[in-house]
Amino acid sequence: MKIDDVRGMTPDQLAEQLVSLKKEQFNLRFQAATGQIEKTHRVGEVRKDIARIQTVLRTKQAQA
């Protein structure tokens, strides 16, 4: 997910995407703990996407 894509979303879309990514992060952590994870690089990608969304949400809330 690119930062330009994130900035183009509405706050509602960002919140929805954030919930989805947090669920995915939980599932990936669970898979890693049980040794069933296939795409280990996805853990880092999800963490960075969550950080991007939270940053953009904070800036949009500060501007409002």
N, C-alpha and C. Protein backbone atom coordinates (compact mmCIF):
# COMPACT_ATOMS: atom_id res chain seq x y z
N MET A 1 0.84 -1.17 0.00
CA MET A 1 0.00 0.00 0.00
C MET A 1 0.89 1.24 0.00
N LYS A 2 0.62 2.13 -0.91
CA LYS A 2 1.43 3.34 -1.02
C LYS A 2 0.78 4.47 -0.23
N ILE A 3 1.60 5.42 0.19
CA ILE A 3 1.13 6.52 1.01
C ILE A 3 0.14 7.39 0.24
N ASP A 4 0.31 7.53 -1.06
CA ASP A 4 -0.63 8.32 -1.86
C ASP A 4 -2.02 7.68 -1.86
N ASP A 5 -2.06 6.37 -1.89
CA ASP A 5 -3.35 5.66 -1.83
C ASP A 5 -4.02 5.91 -0.48
N VAL A 6 -3.23 5.89 0.56
CA VAL A 6 -3.77 6.08 1.91
C VAL A 6 -4.30 7.50 2.08
N ARG A 7 -3.56 8.47 1.58
CA ARG A 7 -3.98 9.87 1.73
C ARG A 7 -5.26 10.16 0.95
N GLY A 8 -5.53 9.40 -0.10
CA GLY A 8 -6.72 9.61 -0.90
C GLY A 8 -7.99 9.02 -0.29
N MET A 9 -7.85 8.25 0.77
CA MET A 9 -9.01 7.62 1.41
C MET A 9 -9.68 8.56 2.39
N THR A 10 -10.96 8.32 2.63
CA THR A 10 -11.69 9.08 3.64
C THR A 10 -11.38 8.49 5.02
N PRO A 11 -11.63 9.24 6.08
CA PRO A 11 -11.38 8.71 7.42
C PRO A 11 -12.15 7.41 7.72
N ASP A 12 -13.36 7.29 7.19
CA ASP A 12 -14.13 6.05 7.40
C ASP A 12 -13.46 4.87 6.69
N GLN A 13 -12.98 5.10 5.48
CA GLN A 13 -12.29 4.04 4.75
C GLN A 13 -11.00 3.66 5.46
N LEU A 14 -10.31 4.65 5.99
CA LEU A 14 -9.07 4.38 6.72
C LEU A 14 -9.33 3.54 7.96
N ALA A 15 -10.38 3.88 8.69
CA ALA A 15 -10.70 3.12 9.89
C ALA A 15 -11.07 1.68 9.54
N GLU A 16 -11.81 1.50 8.46
CA GLU A 16 -12.19 0.16 8.02
C GLU A 16 -10.96 -0.65 7.60
N GLN A 17 -10.06 0.00 6.87
CA GLN A 17 -8.83 -0.66 6.43
C GLN A 17 -7.95 -1.01 7.62
N LEU A 18 -7.93 -0.14 8.62
CA LEU A 18 -7.13 -0.38 9.82
C LEU A 18 -7.61 -1.62 10.56
N VAL A 19 -8.92 -1.76 10.70
CA VAL A 19 -9.49 -2.94 11.36
C VAL A 19 -9.12 -4.20 10.59
N SER A 20 -9.21 -4.14 9.27
CA SER A 20 -8.89 -5.28 8.43
C SER A 20 -7.42 -5.68 8.58
N LEU A 21 -6.53 -4.69 8.60
CA LEU A 21 -5.11 -4.98 8.73
C LEU A 21 -4.76 -5.53 10.12
N LYS A 22 -5.44 -5.04 11.14
CA LYS A 22 -5.17 -5.56 12.49
C LYS A 22 -5.61 -7.01 12.61
N LYS A 23 -6.72 -7.37 11.95
CA LYS A 23 -7.15 -8.77 11.95
C LYS A 23 -6.13 -9.62 11.21
N GLU A 24 -5.64 -9.12 10.08
CA GLU A 24 -4.63 -9.86 9.34
C GLU A 24 -3.36 -10.02 10.15
N GLN A 25 -2.97 -8.96 10.86
CA GLN A 25 -1.77 -9.03 11.70
C GLN A 25 -1.93 -10.09 12.78
N PHE A 26 -3.09 -10.14 13.39
CA PHE A 26 -3.34 -11.16 14.42
C PHE A 26 -3.22 -12.56 13.82
N ASN A 27 -3.84 -12.77 12.66
CA ASN A 27 -3.78 -14.08 12.02
C ASN A 27 -2.35 -14.46 11.65
N LEU A 28 -1.57 -13.49 11.18
CA LEU A 28 -0.18 -13.77 10.83
C LEU A 28 0.64 -14.12 12.06
N ARG A 29 0.41 -13.40 13.16
CA ARG A 29 1.12 -13.71 14.40
C ARG A 29 0.76 -15.10 14.89
N PHE A 30 -0.50 -15.45 14.77
CA PHE A 30 -0.96 -16.78 15.18
C PHE A 30 -0.30 -17.86 14.32
N GLN A 31 -0.26 -17.63 13.02
CA GLN A 31 0.38 -18.59 12.11
C GLN A 31 1.86 -18.72 12.42
N ALA A 32 2.51 -17.62 12.73
CA ALA A 32 3.95 -17.66 13.03
C ALA A 32 4.20 -18.45 14.31
N ALA A 33 3.33 -18.29 15.28
CA ALA A 33 3.51 -18.98 16.55
C ALA A 33 3.31 -20.49 16.40
N THR A 34 2.44 -20.89 15.49
CA THR A 34 2.18 -22.31 15.30
C THR A 34 3.04 -22.92 14.20
N GLY A 35 3.87 -22.09 13.55
CA GLY A 35 4.77 -22.60 12.52
C GLY A 35 4.11 -22.84 11.18
N GLN A 36 2.97 -22.24 10.93
CA GLN A 36 2.25 -22.45 9.69
C GLN A 36 2.37 -21.29 8.71
N ILE A 37 3.14 -20.27 9.04
CA ILE A 37 3.22 -19.08 8.20
C ILE A 37 4.01 -19.39 6.93
N GLU A 38 3.50 -18.93 5.79
CA GLU A 38 4.16 -19.16 4.51
C GLU A 38 4.85 -17.89 4.02
N LYS A 39 4.20 -16.75 4.15
CA LYS A 39 4.75 -15.49 3.67
C LYS A 39 5.24 -14.67 4.86
N THR A 40 6.46 -14.92 5.28
CA THR A 40 6.98 -14.26 6.48
C THR A 40 7.16 -12.76 6.26
N HIS A 41 7.40 -12.34 5.04
CA HIS A 41 7.61 -10.93 4.76
C HIS A 41 6.33 -10.12 4.93
N ARG A 42 5.20 -10.77 4.88
CA ARG A 42 3.91 -10.08 4.99
C ARG A 42 3.73 -9.45 6.37
N VAL A 43 4.36 -10.01 7.41
CA VAL A 43 4.24 -9.48 8.77
C VAL A 43 4.76 -8.04 8.80
N GLY A 44 5.91 -7.80 8.23
CA GLY A 44 6.49 -6.46 8.20
C GLY A 44 5.68 -5.50 7.35
N GLU A 45 5.17 -5.99 6.23
CA GLU A 45 4.36 -5.15 5.35
C GLU A 45 3.10 -4.68 6.06
N VAL A 46 2.46 -5.58 6.78
CA VAL A 46 1.22 -5.24 7.48
C VAL A 46 1.50 -4.22 8.58
N ARG A 47 2.59 -4.40 9.31
CA ARG A 47 2.95 -3.45 10.36
C ARG A 47 3.16 -2.05 9.79
N LYS A 48 3.85 -1.98 8.66
CA LYS A 48 4.11 -0.67 8.04
C LYS A 48 2.84 -0.04 7.50
N ASP A 49 1.95 -0.86 6.94
CA ASP A 49 0.67 -0.34 6.44
C ASP A 49 -0.17 0.21 7.58
N ILE A 50 -0.18 -0.49 8.73
CA ILE A 50 -0.91 -0.01 9.90
C ILE A 50 -0.35 1.33 10.35
N ALA A 51 0.96 1.46 10.38
CA ALA A 51 1.60 2.71 10.80
C ALA A 51 1.25 3.84 9.84
N ARG A 52 1.25 3.55 8.54
CA ARG A 52 0.90 4.57 7.55
C ARG A 52 -0.53 5.07 7.77
N ILE A 53 -1.44 4.14 7.95
CA ILE A 53 -2.85 4.51 8.12
C ILE A 53 -3.04 5.32 9.39
N GLN A 54 -2.41 4.90 10.48
CA GLN A 54 -2.55 5.63 11.74
C GLN A 54 -1.98 7.04 11.63
N THR A 55 -0.87 7.19 10.92
CA THR A 55 -0.27 8.51 10.73
C THR A 55 -1.20 9.42 9.95
N VAL A 56 -1.75 8.93 8.85
CA VAL A 56 -2.64 9.74 8.03
C VAL A 56 -3.92 10.07 8.80
N LEU A 57 -4.44 9.12 9.56
CA LEU A 57 -5.64 9.39 10.37
C LEU A 57 -5.38 10.51 11.38
N ARG A 58 -4.22 10.47 12.04
CA ARG A 58 -3.90 11.50 13.01
C ARG A 58 -3.78 12.87 12.35
N THR A 59 -3.15 12.93 11.18
CA THR A 59 -3.00 14.22 10.51
C THR A 59 -4.35 14.75 10.04
N LYS A 60 -5.21 13.88 9.56
CA LYS A 60 -6.54 14.32 9.12
C LYS A 60 -7.38 14.80 10.30
N GLN A 61 -7.25 14.15 11.45
CA GLN A 61 -7.99 14.57 12.63
C GLN A 61 -7.45 15.90 13.16
N ALA A 62 -6.15 16.11 13.04
CA ALA A 62 -5.56 17.36 13.52
C ALA A 62 -5.99 18.53 12.63
N GLN A 63 -6.20 18.28 11.35
CA GLN A 63 -6.61 19.34 10.43
C GLN A 63 -8.08 19.69 10.60
N ALA A 64 -8.87 18.74 11.06
CA ALA A 64 -10.32 18.98 11.17
C ALA A 64 -10.68 19.80 12.39
